[in-house]
N, C-alpha and C. Protein backbone atom coordinates (compact mmCIF):
# COMPACT_ATOMS: atom_id res chain seq x y z
N GLN A 1 -2.61 16.95 -11.86
CA GLN A 1 -2.36 15.55 -12.15
C GLN A 1 -2.75 14.62 -11.12
N VAL A 2 -2.51 13.26 -11.44
CA VAL A 2 -2.81 12.34 -10.26
C VAL A 2 -1.84 12.32 -9.34
N GLN A 3 -2.07 11.94 -8.07
CA GLN A 3 -1.26 12.11 -7.10
C GLN A 3 -1.81 10.95 -5.94
N LEU A 4 -1.04 10.03 -5.15
CA LEU A 4 -1.10 9.20 -4.25
C LEU A 4 -0.28 9.77 -3.05
N VAL A 5 -0.99 10.06 -1.86
CA VAL A 5 -0.60 10.49 -0.89
C VAL A 5 -0.97 9.45 0.21
N GLU A 6 0.57 9.16 1.21
CA GLU A 6 0.07 8.17 1.86
C GLU A 6 0.11 8.57 3.55
N SER A 7 -0.22 8.03 4.20
CA SER A 7 -0.13 8.43 5.83
C SER A 7 0.06 6.90 6.78
N GLY A 8 0.25 7.09 7.90
CA GLY A 8 0.07 5.97 8.97
C GLY A 8 1.48 5.49 9.30
N GLY A 9 2.67 5.80 8.63
CA GLY A 9 3.69 5.09 9.08
C GLY A 9 4.21 5.86 10.39
N GLY A 10 5.16 4.97 10.79
CA GLY A 10 5.72 5.27 12.26
C GLY A 10 6.35 4.56 12.80
N LEU A 11 7.16 4.39 14.37
CA LEU A 11 7.65 3.72 14.86
C LEU A 11 6.90 3.07 15.94
N VAL A 12 7.16 1.43 16.04
CA VAL A 12 6.39 0.60 16.90
C VAL A 12 7.23 -0.25 17.43
N GLN A 13 6.60 -1.00 18.46
CA GLN A 13 7.51 -2.17 19.10
C GLN A 13 7.09 -3.75 18.57
N ALA A 14 7.67 -4.42 18.42
CA ALA A 14 7.31 -5.59 17.73
C ALA A 14 6.17 -6.40 18.36
N GLY A 15 5.05 -6.84 17.42
CA GLY A 15 3.80 -7.10 18.12
C GLY A 15 2.77 -6.12 18.07
N GLU A 16 3.00 -4.92 17.84
CA GLU A 16 2.21 -3.86 17.60
C GLU A 16 1.54 -3.91 16.23
N SER A 17 0.78 -2.76 16.26
CA SER A 17 0.08 -2.26 14.82
C SER A 17 0.13 -1.23 14.38
N LEU A 18 -0.12 -1.09 12.94
CA LEU A 18 -0.11 0.22 12.40
C LEU A 18 -0.95 -0.01 11.38
N ARG A 19 -1.80 1.36 10.55
CA ARG A 19 -2.48 0.99 9.60
C ARG A 19 -2.15 2.40 8.58
N LEU A 20 -1.72 1.83 7.37
CA LEU A 20 -1.37 2.60 6.12
C LEU A 20 -2.57 2.90 5.40
N SER A 21 -2.47 4.18 5.17
CA SER A 21 -3.92 4.71 4.11
C SER A 21 -3.15 5.27 2.84
N CYS A 22 -3.66 5.62 1.77
CA CYS A 22 -3.24 5.98 0.54
C CYS A 22 -4.47 6.53 -0.32
N GLU A 23 -4.46 7.99 -0.36
CA GLU A 23 -5.60 8.46 -1.06
C GLU A 23 -5.09 8.73 -2.44
N VAL A 24 -6.11 8.55 -3.69
CA VAL A 24 -5.38 8.90 -4.87
C VAL A 24 -6.44 9.93 -5.39
N SER A 25 -5.82 11.12 -5.61
CA SER A 25 -6.53 12.20 -6.15
C SER A 25 -5.75 12.70 -7.80
N GLY A 26 -6.99 13.70 -8.29
CA GLY A 26 -6.67 13.98 -9.36
C GLY A 26 -7.56 13.78 -10.38
N SER A 27 -7.37 13.86 -11.85
CA SER A 27 -8.47 13.34 -13.01
C SER A 27 -8.27 12.04 -12.93
N ILE A 28 -9.22 11.52 -12.82
CA ILE A 28 -9.21 9.79 -12.77
C ILE A 28 -10.70 9.42 -13.51
N PHE A 29 -10.44 8.21 -14.32
CA PHE A 29 -11.62 7.92 -15.20
C PHE A 29 -11.87 6.87 -14.20
N ARG A 30 -10.88 5.90 -14.03
CA ARG A 30 -11.31 4.49 -13.08
C ARG A 30 -9.74 4.04 -12.46
N VAL A 31 -10.36 3.77 -11.10
CA VAL A 31 -9.00 2.98 -10.43
C VAL A 31 -8.96 1.63 -10.49
N ASN A 32 -8.09 0.93 -11.18
CA ASN A 32 -8.19 -0.38 -11.24
C ASN A 32 -7.52 -1.16 -10.00
N ALA A 33 -6.27 -2.20 -10.23
CA ALA A 33 -5.65 -2.41 -8.85
C ALA A 33 -4.98 -1.52 -8.14
N MET A 34 -4.74 -1.85 -7.00
CA MET A 34 -4.14 -0.66 -5.97
C MET A 34 -3.24 -1.91 -5.23
N GLY A 35 -1.98 -1.38 -4.66
CA GLY A 35 -1.43 -2.50 -3.64
C GLY A 35 -0.17 -1.36 -3.04
N TRP A 36 0.43 -2.35 -2.26
CA TRP A 36 1.37 -1.79 -1.29
C TRP A 36 2.82 -2.55 -1.47
N TYR A 37 3.94 -1.85 -1.76
CA TYR A 37 5.15 -2.40 -1.88
C TYR A 37 5.90 -1.91 -0.57
N ARG A 38 7.18 -2.46 -0.48
CA ARG A 38 8.05 -2.05 0.26
C ARG A 38 9.23 -2.23 -0.03
N GLN A 39 10.54 -1.39 0.77
CA GLN A 39 11.94 -1.39 0.22
C GLN A 39 12.65 -1.30 1.59
N ALA A 40 13.33 -2.21 1.99
CA ALA A 40 14.42 -2.35 3.16
C ALA A 40 15.31 -1.90 2.52
N PRO A 41 16.23 -1.11 3.56
CA PRO A 41 17.86 -0.63 3.10
C PRO A 41 18.40 -1.70 2.78
N GLY A 42 19.20 -1.73 1.51
CA GLY A 42 19.72 -3.02 0.72
C GLY A 42 19.10 -3.67 -0.05
N LYS A 43 17.73 -3.74 -0.11
CA LYS A 43 16.80 -4.89 -0.62
C LYS A 43 16.16 -3.90 -1.88
N GLN A 44 15.95 -4.76 -2.65
CA GLN A 44 14.84 -4.28 -3.60
C GLN A 44 13.41 -4.30 -3.22
N ARG A 45 12.74 -3.62 -3.92
CA ARG A 45 11.25 -3.38 -3.59
C ARG A 45 10.19 -4.71 -3.86
N GLU A 46 9.40 -5.13 -2.90
CA GLU A 46 8.90 -6.28 -3.23
C GLU A 46 7.28 -5.85 -3.06
N LEU A 47 6.70 -6.90 -3.56
CA LEU A 47 5.06 -6.59 -3.45
C LEU A 47 4.85 -7.12 -2.04
N VAL A 48 3.88 -6.07 -1.15
CA VAL A 48 3.21 -6.68 -0.02
C VAL A 48 1.95 -7.12 -0.16
N ALA A 49 1.05 -6.43 -0.67
CA ALA A 49 -0.33 -6.82 -1.03
C ALA A 49 -0.99 -6.05 -1.96
N MET A 50 -1.63 -6.47 -2.80
CA MET A 50 -2.69 -5.81 -3.63
C MET A 50 -3.91 -6.12 -3.66
N ILE A 51 -4.80 -5.55 -4.19
CA ILE A 51 -6.21 -5.74 -4.33
C ILE A 51 -6.76 -5.25 -5.69
N THR A 52 -7.74 -5.96 -6.24
CA THR A 52 -8.29 -5.81 -7.65
C THR A 52 -9.58 -4.78 -7.46
N SER A 53 -10.16 -4.33 -8.64
CA SER A 53 -11.25 -3.06 -8.15
C SER A 53 -12.36 -4.15 -7.80
N GLY A 54 -12.48 -5.40 -8.14
CA GLY A 54 -13.50 -6.28 -7.54
C GLY A 54 -13.33 -6.82 -6.25
N GLY A 55 -12.27 -6.47 -5.51
CA GLY A 55 -11.99 -6.97 -4.04
C GLY A 55 -11.20 -8.19 -3.91
N SER A 56 -10.81 -8.81 -4.85
CA SER A 56 -9.56 -10.04 -4.71
C SER A 56 -8.45 -9.45 -4.17
N THR A 57 -7.79 -10.32 -3.20
CA THR A 57 -6.53 -9.79 -2.70
C THR A 57 -5.66 -10.99 -2.81
N ASN A 58 -4.14 -10.23 -2.69
CA ASN A 58 -3.27 -11.55 -2.81
C ASN A 58 -1.88 -10.68 -1.57
N TYR A 59 -1.22 -11.58 -1.13
CA TYR A 59 -0.36 -11.32 -0.14
C TYR A 59 0.79 -11.79 -0.18
N ALA A 60 2.08 -11.23 -0.14
CA ALA A 60 3.42 -12.12 0.18
C ALA A 60 3.38 -12.99 1.20
N ASP A 61 3.78 -14.21 1.16
CA ASP A 61 3.89 -15.10 2.12
C ASP A 61 4.39 -14.75 3.28
N SER A 62 5.18 -13.59 3.46
CA SER A 62 5.69 -13.33 4.73
C SER A 62 5.04 -12.58 5.76
N VAL A 63 3.77 -12.01 4.93
CA VAL A 63 2.71 -11.10 5.78
C VAL A 63 1.38 -11.74 5.75
N LYS A 64 1.21 -12.84 5.31
CA LYS A 64 -0.12 -13.66 5.02
C LYS A 64 -0.52 -13.75 6.47
N GLY A 65 -1.75 -13.57 6.69
CA GLY A 65 -2.26 -13.77 8.33
C GLY A 65 -1.99 -12.94 9.12
N ARG A 66 -1.16 -11.61 8.97
CA ARG A 66 -0.88 -10.39 9.79
C ARG A 66 -1.38 -9.05 9.09
N PHE A 67 -1.31 -9.03 7.85
CA PHE A 67 -1.53 -7.98 7.07
C PHE A 67 -3.10 -7.95 6.39
N THR A 68 -3.72 -7.06 6.32
CA THR A 68 -4.96 -6.92 5.42
C THR A 68 -5.10 -6.03 4.59
N ILE A 69 -5.39 -6.05 3.47
CA ILE A 69 -5.45 -4.74 2.45
C ILE A 69 -6.77 -4.59 2.26
N SER A 70 -7.49 -3.26 2.18
CA SER A 70 -8.76 -3.19 1.90
C SER A 70 -8.72 -1.79 1.07
N ARG A 71 -9.90 -1.51 0.51
CA ARG A 71 -9.94 -0.23 -0.27
C ARG A 71 -11.28 0.50 -0.25
N ASP A 72 -11.40 1.70 -0.52
CA ASP A 72 -12.93 2.32 -0.61
C ASP A 72 -12.90 2.73 -2.01
N ASN A 73 -13.52 1.92 -2.80
CA ASN A 73 -13.69 2.86 -4.26
C ASN A 73 -14.42 3.91 -4.36
N ALA A 74 -15.15 4.46 -3.56
CA ALA A 74 -15.88 5.60 -3.61
C ALA A 74 -14.92 6.96 -3.34
N LYS A 75 -13.85 6.59 -2.32
CA LYS A 75 -12.83 7.44 -1.86
C LYS A 75 -11.47 7.31 -2.79
N ASN A 76 -11.42 6.16 -3.56
CA ASN A 76 -10.31 5.93 -4.38
C ASN A 76 -8.97 5.68 -3.01
N THR A 77 -9.11 5.15 -2.22
CA THR A 77 -8.13 4.88 -0.97
C THR A 77 -7.96 3.46 -0.81
N VAL A 78 -6.90 3.29 -0.53
CA VAL A 78 -6.47 1.80 -0.03
C VAL A 78 -5.86 2.13 1.47
N HIS A 79 -6.16 0.66 1.98
CA HIS A 79 -5.63 0.87 3.32
C HIS A 79 -4.66 -0.58 3.40
N LEU A 80 -4.00 -0.37 4.25
CA LEU A 80 -2.89 -1.64 4.69
C LEU A 80 -3.17 -1.99 6.23
N GLN A 81 -3.79 -2.65 6.74
CA GLN A 81 -3.84 -2.93 8.25
C GLN A 81 -2.88 -3.85 8.70
N MET A 82 -1.68 -3.67 9.63
CA MET A 82 -0.39 -4.58 9.55
C MET A 82 -0.54 -4.83 11.17
N ASN A 83 -0.90 -5.99 11.38
CA ASN A 83 -0.70 -6.45 12.91
C ASN A 83 0.43 -7.34 13.03
N SER A 84 0.73 -7.51 14.39
CA SER A 84 1.79 -8.58 14.70
C SER A 84 3.20 -8.16 14.18
N LEU A 85 3.34 -7.07 14.06
CA LEU A 85 4.56 -6.43 13.39
C LEU A 85 5.76 -7.02 13.99
N LYS A 86 6.51 -7.05 13.26
CA LYS A 86 8.03 -7.70 13.08
C LYS A 86 9.13 -6.75 12.46
N PRO A 87 10.41 -7.08 13.26
CA PRO A 87 11.41 -6.35 13.01
C PRO A 87 11.71 -6.26 11.39
N GLU A 88 11.65 -7.46 10.67
CA GLU A 88 11.84 -7.63 9.47
C GLU A 88 10.77 -6.89 8.61
N ASP A 89 9.78 -6.47 9.13
CA ASP A 89 8.74 -5.56 8.41
C ASP A 89 9.15 -4.14 8.28
N THR A 90 10.30 -3.82 8.89
CA THR A 90 10.97 -2.26 8.48
C THR A 90 11.55 -2.14 7.34
N ALA A 91 10.80 -1.09 6.86
CA ALA A 91 10.79 -0.65 5.22
C ALA A 91 10.27 0.47 5.18
N VAL A 92 10.56 1.03 3.98
CA VAL A 92 9.53 2.09 3.51
C VAL A 92 8.48 1.48 2.52
N TYR A 93 7.18 2.00 2.79
CA TYR A 93 6.28 1.37 2.31
C TYR A 93 5.42 2.31 1.19
N TYR A 94 5.33 1.78 -0.32
CA TYR A 94 4.82 2.66 -1.07
C TYR A 94 3.71 2.08 -1.63
N CYS A 95 2.64 2.86 -1.78
CA CYS A 95 1.48 2.77 -2.27
C CYS A 95 1.39 2.87 -3.93
N ASN A 96 0.65 1.79 -4.40
CA ASN A 96 0.65 1.82 -6.03
C ASN A 96 -0.75 1.80 -6.51
N ALA A 97 -0.74 2.54 -7.56
CA ALA A 97 -1.97 2.45 -8.28
C ALA A 97 -2.33 2.27 -9.47
N ASP A 98 -2.87 1.25 -10.38
CA ASP A 98 -3.07 1.30 -11.66
C ASP A 98 -4.39 1.65 -12.04
N LEU A 99 -4.48 2.68 -12.80
CA LEU A 99 -5.47 3.46 -13.14
C LEU A 99 -5.70 3.83 -14.45
N ASN A 100 -7.25 4.22 -14.86
CA ASN A 100 -7.17 5.06 -16.34
C ASN A 100 -7.45 6.62 -16.14
N ARG A 101 -6.90 7.21 -16.80
CA ARG A 101 -7.15 8.47 -16.82
C ARG A 101 -8.19 8.75 -17.58
N SER A 102 -8.22 7.99 -18.75
CA SER A 102 -9.23 8.20 -19.47
C SER A 102 -9.76 6.73 -19.93
N TYR A 103 -10.48 6.57 -21.19
CA TYR A 103 -10.92 4.90 -21.62
C TYR A 103 -9.60 4.28 -22.21
N PHE A 104 -8.90 5.30 -22.57
CA PHE A 104 -7.68 4.55 -23.45
C PHE A 104 -6.20 4.96 -22.93
N ASN A 105 -6.31 5.81 -21.71
CA ASN A 105 -5.03 6.06 -21.05
C ASN A 105 -4.71 5.68 -19.68
N PHE A 106 -4.22 4.64 -19.62
CA PHE A 106 -4.20 3.72 -18.50
C PHE A 106 -2.60 3.93 -18.23
N GLN A 107 -2.36 4.04 -16.54
CA GLN A 107 -1.00 4.05 -16.25
C GLN A 107 -0.69 3.72 -14.61
N VAL A 108 0.23 3.37 -14.34
CA VAL A 108 0.79 3.15 -12.87
C VAL A 108 1.52 4.29 -12.38
N TYR A 109 0.84 4.53 -11.01
CA TYR A 109 1.43 5.71 -10.36
C TYR A 109 2.02 5.36 -8.85
N TRP A 110 2.79 5.95 -8.39
CA TRP A 110 3.20 5.48 -6.92
C TRP A 110 3.35 6.96 -5.99
N GLY A 111 3.08 6.29 -4.68
CA GLY A 111 2.91 7.47 -3.79
C GLY A 111 4.61 7.75 -3.02
N GLN A 112 4.68 8.52 -2.49
CA GLN A 112 6.05 9.11 -1.95
C GLN A 112 6.82 7.95 -1.04
N GLY A 113 5.93 7.36 -0.59
CA GLY A 113 6.43 6.09 0.40
C GLY A 113 6.36 6.72 1.97
N THR A 114 6.43 5.88 3.01
CA THR A 114 6.07 6.26 4.33
C THR A 114 6.79 5.34 5.09
N GLN A 115 7.87 5.56 5.89
CA GLN A 115 8.53 4.61 6.65
C GLN A 115 7.83 3.91 8.02
N VAL A 116 8.07 2.83 7.80
CA VAL A 116 7.72 1.97 9.02
C VAL A 116 8.58 1.30 9.55
N THR A 117 9.07 1.50 11.00
CA THR A 117 10.25 0.78 11.94
C THR A 117 9.58 0.21 12.86
N VAL A 118 10.02 -1.00 12.92
CA VAL A 118 9.61 -2.02 14.09
C VAL A 118 10.92 -2.38 14.83
N SER A 119 10.67 -2.03 16.18
CA SER A 119 11.96 -2.13 16.74
C SER A 119 11.78 -3.48 17.82
N SER A 120 12.71 -4.34 18.31
CA SER A 120 12.43 -5.46 18.90
C SER A 120 12.18 -5.37 20.14
């Protein structure tokens, strides 16, 4: 089955950086858009950044200029470089992928989530 495995979360001080990675594995025909979401305690899950198969990107206003999303299509991997981290960035970050298992079978998959904690 398709699986998304995340890595790179951790505990950092404000102003420091982290790089999240997510590898998609399994029987895959094609990976379309990929993205990162986050959910803070007591808050709804929100889109952080997304990237299309062609490389077009979109970011939440709160992370523009600080975060950069990228992907390696050959490896079916997406990364999120997070610079100048703020305490309000603290959340569980989830990898997301819209992919085709076959030409007609497309579905959205989620990673297990990785904790990012930014201290003051």
